PDB file of N, CA and C in Angstrom:
ATOM      1  N   UNK A   1      25.307  -8.727  18.102  1.00  0.00           N
ATOM      2  CA  UNK A   1      24.760  -7.755  17.178  1.00  0.00           C
ATOM      3  C   UNK A   1      24.941  -6.374  17.695  1.00  0.00           C
ATOM      4  N   UNK A   2      25.328  -5.354  16.910  1.00  0.00           N
ATOM      5  CA  UNK A   2      25.707  -4.039  17.318  1.00  0.00           C
ATOM      6  C   UNK A   2      24.106  -3.448  17.323  1.00  0.00           C
ATOM      7  N   UNK A   3      24.359  -2.009  17.772  1.00  0.00           N
ATOM      8  CA  UNK A   3      23.027  -1.071  17.920  1.00  0.00           C
ATOM      9  C   UNK A   3      22.543  -1.100  16.447  1.00  0.00           C
ATOM     10  N   UNK A   4      23.212  -0.700  15.424  1.00  0.00           N
ATOM     11  CA  UNK A   4      22.770  -0.382  14.215  1.00  0.00           C
ATOM     12  C   UNK A   4      22.022  -1.378  13.431  1.00  0.00           C
ATOM     13  N   UNK A   5      22.806  -2.775  13.547  1.00  0.00           N
ATOM     14  CA  UNK A   5      22.226  -3.915  12.947  1.00  0.00           C
ATOM     15  C   UNK A   5      21.019  -4.389  13.850  1.00  0.00           C
ATOM     16  N   UNK A   6      20.837  -4.175  14.993  1.00  0.00           N
ATOM     17  CA  UNK A   6      19.494  -4.514  15.618  1.00  0.00           C
ATOM     18  C   UNK A   6      18.476  -3.634  15.335  1.00  0.00           C
ATOM     19  N   UNK A   7      18.723  -2.391  15.241  1.00  0.00           N
ATOM     20  CA  UNK A   7      17.842  -1.346  14.675  1.00  0.00           C
ATOM     21  C   UNK A   7      17.508  -1.684  13.217  1.00  0.00           C
ATOM     22  N   UNK A   8      18.376  -2.042  12.584  1.00  0.00           N
ATOM     23  CA  UNK A   8      17.814  -2.314  10.992  1.00  0.00           C
ATOM     24  C   UNK A   8      16.834  -3.803  11.235  1.00  0.00           C
ATOM     25  N   UNK A   9      17.391  -4.604  11.923  1.00  0.00           N
ATOM     26  CA  UNK A   9      16.530  -5.657  12.148  1.00  0.00           C
ATOM     27  C   UNK A   9      14.979  -5.396  12.522  1.00  0.00           C
ATOM     28  N   UNK A  10      14.968  -4.673  13.481  1.00  0.00           N
ATOM     29  CA  UNK A  10      13.612  -4.217  13.968  1.00  0.00           C
ATOM     30  C   UNK A  10      12.728  -3.283  12.833  1.00  0.00           C
ATOM     31  N   UNK A  11      13.379  -2.515  12.113  1.00  0.00           N
ATOM     32  CA  UNK A  11      12.842  -2.020  11.051  1.00  0.00           C
ATOM     33  C   UNK A  11      12.153  -3.084   9.869  1.00  0.00           C
ATOM     34  N   UNK A  12      13.093  -3.767   9.549  1.00  0.00           N
ATOM     35  CA  UNK A  12      12.675  -5.045   8.615  1.00  0.00           C
ATOM     36  C   UNK A  12      11.644  -5.852   8.952  1.00  0.00           C
ATOM     37  N   UNK A  13      11.612  -6.007  10.461  1.00  0.00           N
ATOM     38  CA  UNK A  13      10.393  -6.919  10.912  1.00  0.00           C
ATOM     39  C   UNK A  13       9.292  -5.922  10.825  1.00  0.00           C
ATOM     40  N   UNK A  14       9.167  -4.717  10.973  1.00  0.00           N
ATOM     41  CA  UNK A  14       8.058  -3.938  10.988  1.00  0.00           C
ATOM     42  C   UNK A  14       7.625  -4.113   9.460  1.00  0.00           C
ATOM     43  N   UNK A  15       8.353  -4.100   8.533  1.00  0.00           N
ATOM     44  CA  UNK A  15       7.926  -4.074   7.246  1.00  0.00           C
ATOM     45  C   UNK A  15       6.717  -5.398   7.106  1.00  0.00           C
ATOM     46  N   UNK A  16       7.449  -6.594   7.345  1.00  0.00           N
ATOM     47  CA  UNK A  16       6.532  -7.554   7.174  1.00  0.00           C
ATOM     48  C   UNK A  16       4.996  -7.530   8.289  1.00  0.00           C
ATOM     49  N   UNK A  17       5.085  -6.629   9.251  1.00  0.00           N
ATOM     50  CA  UNK A  17       3.870  -6.752   9.900  1.00  0.00           C
ATOM     51  C   UNK A  17       3.045  -5.545   9.519  1.00  0.00           C
ATOM     52  N   UNK A  18       3.602  -4.408   9.146  1.00  0.00           N
ATOM     53  CA  UNK A  18       2.969  -3.306   8.587  1.00  0.00           C
ATOM     54  C   UNK A  18       2.368  -3.287   7.132  1.00  0.00           C
ATOM     55  N   UNK A  19       3.199  -3.805   6.361  1.00  0.00           N
ATOM     56  CA  UNK A  19       2.858  -3.655   5.005  1.00  0.00           C
ATOM     57  C   UNK A  19       1.585  -4.607   4.490  1.00  0.00           C
ATOM     58  N   UNK A  20       1.398  -5.584   5.070  1.00  0.00           N
ATOM     59  CA  UNK A  20       0.246  -6.278   4.415  1.00  0.00           C
ATOM     60  C   UNK A  20      -1.205  -5.644   4.745  1.00  0.00           C
ATOM     61  N   UNK A  21      -1.097  -4.663   5.564  1.00  0.00           N
ATOM     62  CA  UNK A  21      -2.162  -3.968   6.113  1.00  0.00           C
ATOM     63  C   UNK A  21      -2.829  -2.871   5.199  1.00  0.00           C
ATOM     64  N   UNK A  22      -1.791  -2.827   4.164  1.00  0.00           N
ATOM     65  CA  UNK A  22      -2.299  -1.461   3.126  1.00  0.00           C
ATOM     66  C   UNK A  22      -2.854  -2.160   1.936  1.00  0.00           C
ATOM     67  N   UNK A  23      -4.196  -2.200   2.066  1.00  0.00           N
ATOM     68  CA  UNK A  23      -5.016  -2.591   0.923  1.00  0.00           C
ATOM     69  C   UNK A  23      -5.091  -1.813  -0.305  1.00  0.00           C
ATOM     70  N   UNK A  24      -4.766  -0.582  -0.029  1.00  0.00           N
ATOM     71  CA  UNK A  24      -4.774   0.512  -1.175  1.00  0.00           C
ATOM     72  C   UNK A  24      -3.266   0.274  -2.235  1.00  0.00           C
ATOM     73  N   UNK A  25      -2.315  -0.207  -1.467  1.00  0.00           N
ATOM     74  CA  UNK A  25      -1.090  -0.752  -2.292  1.00  0.00           C
ATOM     75  C   UNK A  25      -1.395  -1.678  -3.226  1.00  0.00           C
ATOM     76  N   UNK A  26      -0.882  -1.746  -4.320  1.00  0.00           N
ATOM     77  CA  UNK A  26      -0.708  -2.725  -5.148  1.00  0.00           C
ATOM     78  C   UNK A  26       0.003  -4.020  -4.481  1.00  0.00           C
ATOM     79  N   UNK A  27       1.075  -3.599  -4.407  1.00  0.00           N
ATOM     80  CA  UNK A  27       2.248  -4.722  -4.008  1.00  0.00           C
ATOM     81  C   UNK A  27       2.677  -4.256  -2.597  1.00  0.00           C
ATOM     82  N   UNK A  28       3.470  -5.316  -1.909  1.00  0.00           N
ATOM     83  CA  UNK A  28       4.559  -4.905  -0.809  1.00  0.00           C
ATOM     84  C   UNK A  28       5.606  -3.874  -1.276  1.00  0.00           C
ATOM     85  N   UNK A  29       5.961  -4.313  -2.299  1.00  0.00           N
ATOM     86  CA  UNK A  29       6.989  -3.356  -3.156  1.00  0.00           C
ATOM     87  C   UNK A  29       6.733  -1.973  -3.512  1.00  0.00           C
ATOM     88  N   UNK A  30       5.230  -1.834  -3.581  1.00  0.00           N
ATOM     89  CA  UNK A  30       5.006  -0.301  -3.660  1.00  0.00           C
ATOM     90  C   UNK A  30       4.936   0.443  -2.531  1.00  0.00           C
ATOM     91  N   UNK A  31       4.632  -0.087  -1.416  1.00  0.00           N
ATOM     92  CA  UNK A  31       4.660   0.294  -0.014  1.00  0.00           C
ATOM     93  C   UNK A  31       6.062   0.523   0.391  1.00  0.00           C
ATOM     94  N   UNK A  32       7.097  -0.311   0.310  1.00  0.00           N
ATOM     95  CA  UNK A  32       8.229  -0.147   0.423  1.00  0.00           C
ATOM     96  C   UNK A  32       9.007   0.875  -0.305  1.00  0.00           C
ATOM     97  N   UNK A  33       8.755   0.920  -1.623  1.00  0.00           N
ATOM     98  CA  UNK A  33       9.355   1.790  -2.552  1.00  0.00           C
ATOM     99  C   UNK A  33       8.996   3.124  -1.926  1.00  0.00           C
ATOM    100  N   UNK A  34       7.696   3.349  -1.907  1.00  0.00           N
ATOM    101  CA  UNK A  34       7.101   4.695  -1.577  1.00  0.00           C
ATOM    102  C   UNK A  34       7.710   5.189   0.076  1.00  0.00           C
ATOM    103  N   UNK A  35       7.883   4.071   0.910  1.00  0.00           N
ATOM    104  CA  UNK A  35       8.347   4.550   2.307  1.00  0.00           C
ATOM    105  C   UNK A  35       9.968   5.094   2.094  1.00  0.00           C
ATOM    106  N   UNK A  36      10.693   4.229   1.211  1.00  0.00           N
ATOM    107  CA  UNK A  36      12.048   4.597   1.020  1.00  0.00           C
ATOM    108  C   UNK A  36      12.529   5.864   0.253  1.00  0.00           C
ATOM    109  N   UNK A  37      11.497   6.090  -0.716  1.00  0.00           N
ATOM    110  CA  UNK A  37      11.631   7.313  -1.648  1.00  0.00           C
ATOM    111  C   UNK A  37      11.298   8.326  -0.813  1.00  0.00           C
ATOM    112  N   UNK A  38      10.192   8.525  -0.081  1.00  0.00           N
ATOM    113  CA  UNK A  38       9.948   9.557   0.744  1.00  0.00           C
ATOM    114  C   UNK A  38      10.833   9.973   1.966  1.00  0.00           C
ATOM    115  N   UNK A  39      11.485   8.818   2.485  1.00  0.00           N
ATOM    116  CA  UNK A  39      12.249   8.925   3.411  1.00  0.00           C
ATOM    117  C   UNK A  39      13.835   9.450   2.946  1.00  0.00           C
ATOM    118  N   UNK A  40      14.034   9.251   1.827  1.00  0.00           N
ATOM    119  CA  UNK A  40      15.401   9.799   1.438  1.00  0.00           C
ATOM    120  C   UNK A  40      15.247  11.247   1.008  1.00  0.00           C
ATOM    121  N   UNK A  41      14.115  11.604   0.366  1.00  0.00           N
ATOM    122  CA  UNK A  41      13.778  13.116  -0.147  1.00  0.00           C
ATOM    123  C   UNK A  41      13.616  13.746   1.252  1.00  0.00           C
ATOM    124  N   UNK A  42      12.990  13.310   2.114  1.00  0.00           N
ATOM    125  CA  UNK A  42      12.864  14.045   3.278  1.00  0.00           C
ATOM    126  C   UNK A  42      13.919  14.485   4.190  1.00  0.00           C
ATOM    127  N   UNK A  43      14.947  13.406   4.311  1.00  0.00           N
ATOM    128  CA  UNK A  43      16.366  13.533   4.938  1.00  0.00           C
ATOM    129  C   UNK A  43      17.045  14.521   4.359  1.00  0.00           C
ATOM    130  N   UNK A  44      17.142  14.506   3.048  1.00  0.00           N
ATOM    131  CA  UNK A  44      17.820  15.463   2.114  1.00  0.00           C
ATOM    132  C   UNK A  44      17.415  16.853   2.134  1.00  0.00           C
ATOM    133  N   UNK A  45      15.864  17.131   2.277  1.00  0.00           N
ATOM    134  CA  UNK A  45      15.420  18.281   2.467  1.00  0.00           C
ATOM    135  C   UNK A  45      15.713  18.753   3.844  1.00  0.00           C
ATOM    136  N   UNK A  46      15.815  17.879   4.701  1.00  0.00           N
ATOM    137  CA  UNK A  46      16.185  18.552   6.313  1.00  0.00           C
ATOM    138  C   UNK A  46      17.477  18.542   6.236  1.00  0.00           C
ATOM    139  N   UNK A  47      18.320  18.435   5.453  1.00  0.00           N
ATOM    140  CA  UNK A  47      19.886  18.847   5.488  1.00  0.00           C
ATOM    141  C   UNK A  47      20.454  17.475   6.105  1.00  0.00           C
ATOM    142  N   UNK A  48      19.905  16.449   5.896  1.00  0.00           N
ATOM    143  CA  UNK A  48      20.635  15.264   6.406  1.00  0.00           C
ATOM    144  C   UNK A  48      20.894  14.531   5.428  1.00  0.00           C
ATOM    145  N   UNK A  49      22.201  14.687   4.763  1.00  0.00           N
ATOM    146  CA  UNK A  49      22.694  14.430   3.735  1.00  0.00           C
ATOM    147  C   UNK A  49      24.239  14.052   3.416  1.00  0.00           C
ATOM    148  N   UNK A  50      24.623  13.284   2.532  1.00  0.00           N
ATOM    149  CA  UNK A  50      26.206  13.104   2.273  1.00  0.00           C
ATOM    150  C   UNK A  50      26.704  14.180   1.788  1.00  0.00           C
ATOM    151  N   UNK A  51      27.902  14.271   1.731  1.00  0.00           N
ATOM    152  CA  UNK A  51      28.612  15.205   1.440  1.00  0.00           C
ATOM    153  C   UNK A  51      28.444  15.706  -0.372  1.00  0.00           C
ATOM    154  N   UNK A  52      28.415  14.864  -1.019  1.00  0.00           N
ATOM    155  CA  UNK A  52      28.075  14.770  -2.274  1.00  0.00           C
ATOM    156  C   UNK A  52      26.958  15.679  -2.543  1.00  0.00           C
ATOM    157  N   UNK A  53      25.860  15.770  -1.823  1.00  0.00           N
ATOM    158  CA  UNK A  53      24.547  16.379  -1.994  1.00  0.00           C
ATOM    159  C   UNK A  53      24.499  17.627  -0.803  1.00  0.00           C
ATOM    160  N   UNK A  54      25.653  18.187  -0.550  1.00  0.00           N
ATOM    161  CA  UNK A  54      25.894  19.286   0.313  1.00  0.00           C
ATOM    162  C   UNK A  54      25.756  19.213   1.670  1.00  0.00           C
ATOM    163  N   UNK A  55      25.571  18.078   2.249  1.00  0.00           N
ATOM    164  CA  UNK A  55      25.439  17.669   3.586  1.00  0.00           C
ATOM    165  C   UNK A  55      26.721  17.159   4.295  1.00  0.00           C
ATOM    166  N   UNK A  56      26.772  16.822   5.565  1.00  0.00           N
ATOM    167  CA  UNK A  56      27.829  16.403   6.454  1.00  0.00           C
ATOM    168  C   UNK A  56      27.969  14.948   6.679  1.00  0.00           C
ATOM    169  N   UNK A  57      27.054  14.239   6.436  1.00  0.00           N
ATOM    170  CA  UNK A  57      26.760  12.823   6.851  1.00  0.00           C
ATOM    171  C   UNK A  57      27.624  11.868   6.106  1.00  0.00           C
ATOM    172  N   UNK A  58      28.316  10.846   6.611  1.00  0.00           N
ATOM    173  CA  UNK A  58      28.920   9.570   6.145  1.00  0.00           C
ATOM    174  C   UNK A  58      27.507   8.884   5.366  1.00  0.00           C
ATOM    175  N   UNK A  59      27.973   8.040   4.629  1.00  0.00           N
ATOM    176  CA  UNK A  59      27.013   7.274   3.966  1.00  0.00           C
ATOM    177  C   UNK A  59      26.324   6.414   4.868  1.00  0.00           C
ATOM    178  N   UNK A  60      26.978   5.927   5.977  1.00  0.00           N
ATOM    179  CA  UNK A  60      26.458   5.057   6.945  1.00  0.00           C
ATOM    180  C   UNK A  60      25.590   5.747   7.879  1.00  0.00           C
ATOM    181  N   UNK A  61      26.094   7.181   8.035  1.00  0.00           N
ATOM    182  CA  UNK A  61      25.117   8.152   8.909  1.00  0.00           C
ATOM    183  C   UNK A  61      23.872   8.451   8.041  1.00  0.00           C
ATOM    184  N   UNK A  62      23.814   8.380   6.703  1.00  0.00           N
ATOM    185  CA  UNK A  62      22.582   8.965   5.855  1.00  0.00           C
ATOM    186  C   UNK A  62      21.874   7.536   5.910  1.00  0.00           C
ATOM    187  N   UNK A  63      22.375   6.504   5.639  1.00  0.00           N
ATOM    188  CA  UNK A  63      21.590   5.136   5.611  1.00  0.00           C
ATOM    189  C   UNK A  63      20.805   4.912   7.074  1.00  0.00           C
ATOM    190  N   UNK A  64      21.528   5.232   8.237  1.00  0.00           N
ATOM    191  CA  UNK A  64      20.912   4.932   9.528  1.00  0.00           C
ATOM    192  C   UNK A  64      19.839   5.960   9.659  1.00  0.00           C
ATOM    193  N   UNK A  65      20.060   7.351   9.237  1.00  0.00           N
ATOM    194  CA  UNK A  65      18.819   8.339   9.116  1.00  0.00           C
ATOM    195  C   UNK A  65      17.502   7.845   8.361  1.00  0.00           C
ATOM    196  N   UNK A  66      17.873   7.406   7.156  1.00  0.00           N
ATOM    197  CA  UNK A  66      16.977   6.937   6.298  1.00  0.00           C
ATOM    198  C   UNK A  66      16.004   5.827   6.689  1.00  0.00           C
ATOM    199  N   UNK A  67      16.964   4.750   7.528  1.00  0.00           N
ATOM    200  CA  UNK A  67      16.179   3.644   8.046  1.00  0.00           C
ATOM    201  C   UNK A  67      15.398   4.161   9.004  1.00  0.00           C
ATOM    202  N   UNK A  68      15.732   4.888  10.161  1.00  0.00           N
ATOM    203  CA  UNK A  68      15.020   5.538  10.981  1.00  0.00           C
ATOM    204  C   UNK A  68      13.771   6.283  10.726  1.00  0.00           C
ATOM    205  N   UNK A  69      13.702   7.052   9.472  1.00  0.00           N
ATOM    206  CA  UNK A  69      12.504   7.713   9.003  1.00  0.00           C
ATOM    207  C   UNK A  69      11.749   6.521   8.243  1.00  0.00           C
ATOM    208  N   UNK A  70      12.122   5.498   7.759  1.00  0.00           N
ATOM    209  CA  UNK A  70      11.353   4.685   7.473  1.00  0.00           C
ATOM    210  C   UNK A  70      10.470   3.847   8.419  1.00  0.00           C
ATOM    211  N   UNK A  71      10.955   3.691   9.457  1.00  0.00           N
ATOM    212  CA  UNK A  71      10.605   2.969  10.662  1.00  0.00           C
ATOM    213  C   UNK A  71       9.604   4.190  11.248  1.00  0.00           C
ATOM    214  N   UNK A  72       9.909   5.266  11.363  1.00  0.00           N
ATOM    215  CA  UNK A  72       8.553   6.150  11.835  1.00  0.00           C
ATOM    216  C   UNK A  72       7.527   6.369  10.804  1.00  0.00           C
ATOM    217  N   UNK A  73       7.903   6.396   9.411  1.00  0.00           N
ATOM    218  CA  UNK A  73       6.671   6.303   8.606  1.00  0.00           C
ATOM    219  C   UNK A  73       6.016   5.063   8.525  1.00  0.00           C
ATOM    220  N   UNK A  74       6.285   3.839   8.818  1.00  0.00           N
ATOM    221  CA  UNK A  74       5.672   2.678   8.865  1.00  0.00           C
ATOM    222  C   UNK A  74       4.603   2.785  10.136  1.00  0.00           C
ATOM    223  N   UNK A  75       5.237   3.333  11.265  1.00  0.00           N
ATOM    224  CA  UNK A  75       4.423   3.379  12.407  1.00  0.00           C
ATOM    225  C   UNK A  75       3.407   4.242  12.240  1.00  0.00           C
ATOM    226  N   UNK A  76       3.428   5.488  11.632  1.00  0.00           N
ATOM    227  CA  UNK A  76       2.443   6.475  11.447  1.00  0.00           C
ATOM    228  C   UNK A  76       1.601   5.723  10.627  1.00  0.00           C
ATOM    229  N   UNK A  77       1.962   5.252   9.330  1.00  0.00           N
ATOM    230  CA  UNK A  77       0.750   4.621   8.200  1.00  0.00           C
ATOM    231  C   UNK A  77       0.122   3.729   8.949  1.00  0.00           C
ATOM    232  N   UNK A  78       0.898   2.744  10.078  1.00  0.00           N
ATOM    233  CA  UNK A  78       0.016   1.498  10.625  1.00  0.00           C
ATOM    234  C   UNK A  78      -1.095   2.124  11.341  1.00  0.00           C
ATOM    235  N   UNK A  79      -0.724   3.223  12.203  1.00  0.00           N
ATOM    236  CA  UNK A  79      -1.510   4.027  13.308  1.00  0.00           C
ATOM    237  C   UNK A  79      -2.958   4.441  12.388  1.00  0.00           C
ATOM    238  N   UNK A  80      -2.596   5.107  11.247  1.00  0.00           N
ATOM    239  CA  UNK A  80      -3.633   5.437  10.426  1.00  0.00           C
ATOM    240  C   UNK A  80      -4.680   4.539   9.880  1.00  0.00           C
ATOM    241  N   UNK A  81      -4.129   3.194   9.672  1.00  0.00           N
ATOM    242  CA  UNK A  81      -4.732   1.932   9.378  1.00  0.00           C
ATOM    243  C   UNK A  81      -5.757   1.454  10.532  1.00  0.00           C
ATOM    244  N   UNK A  82      -5.389   1.531  11.479  1.00  0.00           N
ATOM    245  CA  UNK A  82      -5.833   0.807  12.798  1.00  0.00           C
ATOM    246  C   UNK A  82      -7.117   1.505  13.073  1.00  0.00           C
TER     247      UNK A  82
END
């Protein structure tokens, strides 16, 4: 398993641990959608974008950036609930 796949597996594992803790969310999909949506826009706002959006990242690099941000966001949200 390469580093990216291992990282992605860790993020996905966090979804299933963190998401059920959000009672204010209607569904798991709502929490996942919000995390992805915010992470994508934050990455682009910070200049971490693909060339079609004025950045310099490849699609894989952009995806890795978003996955990292999702993981961080879920950790922060989990801490706020605890």
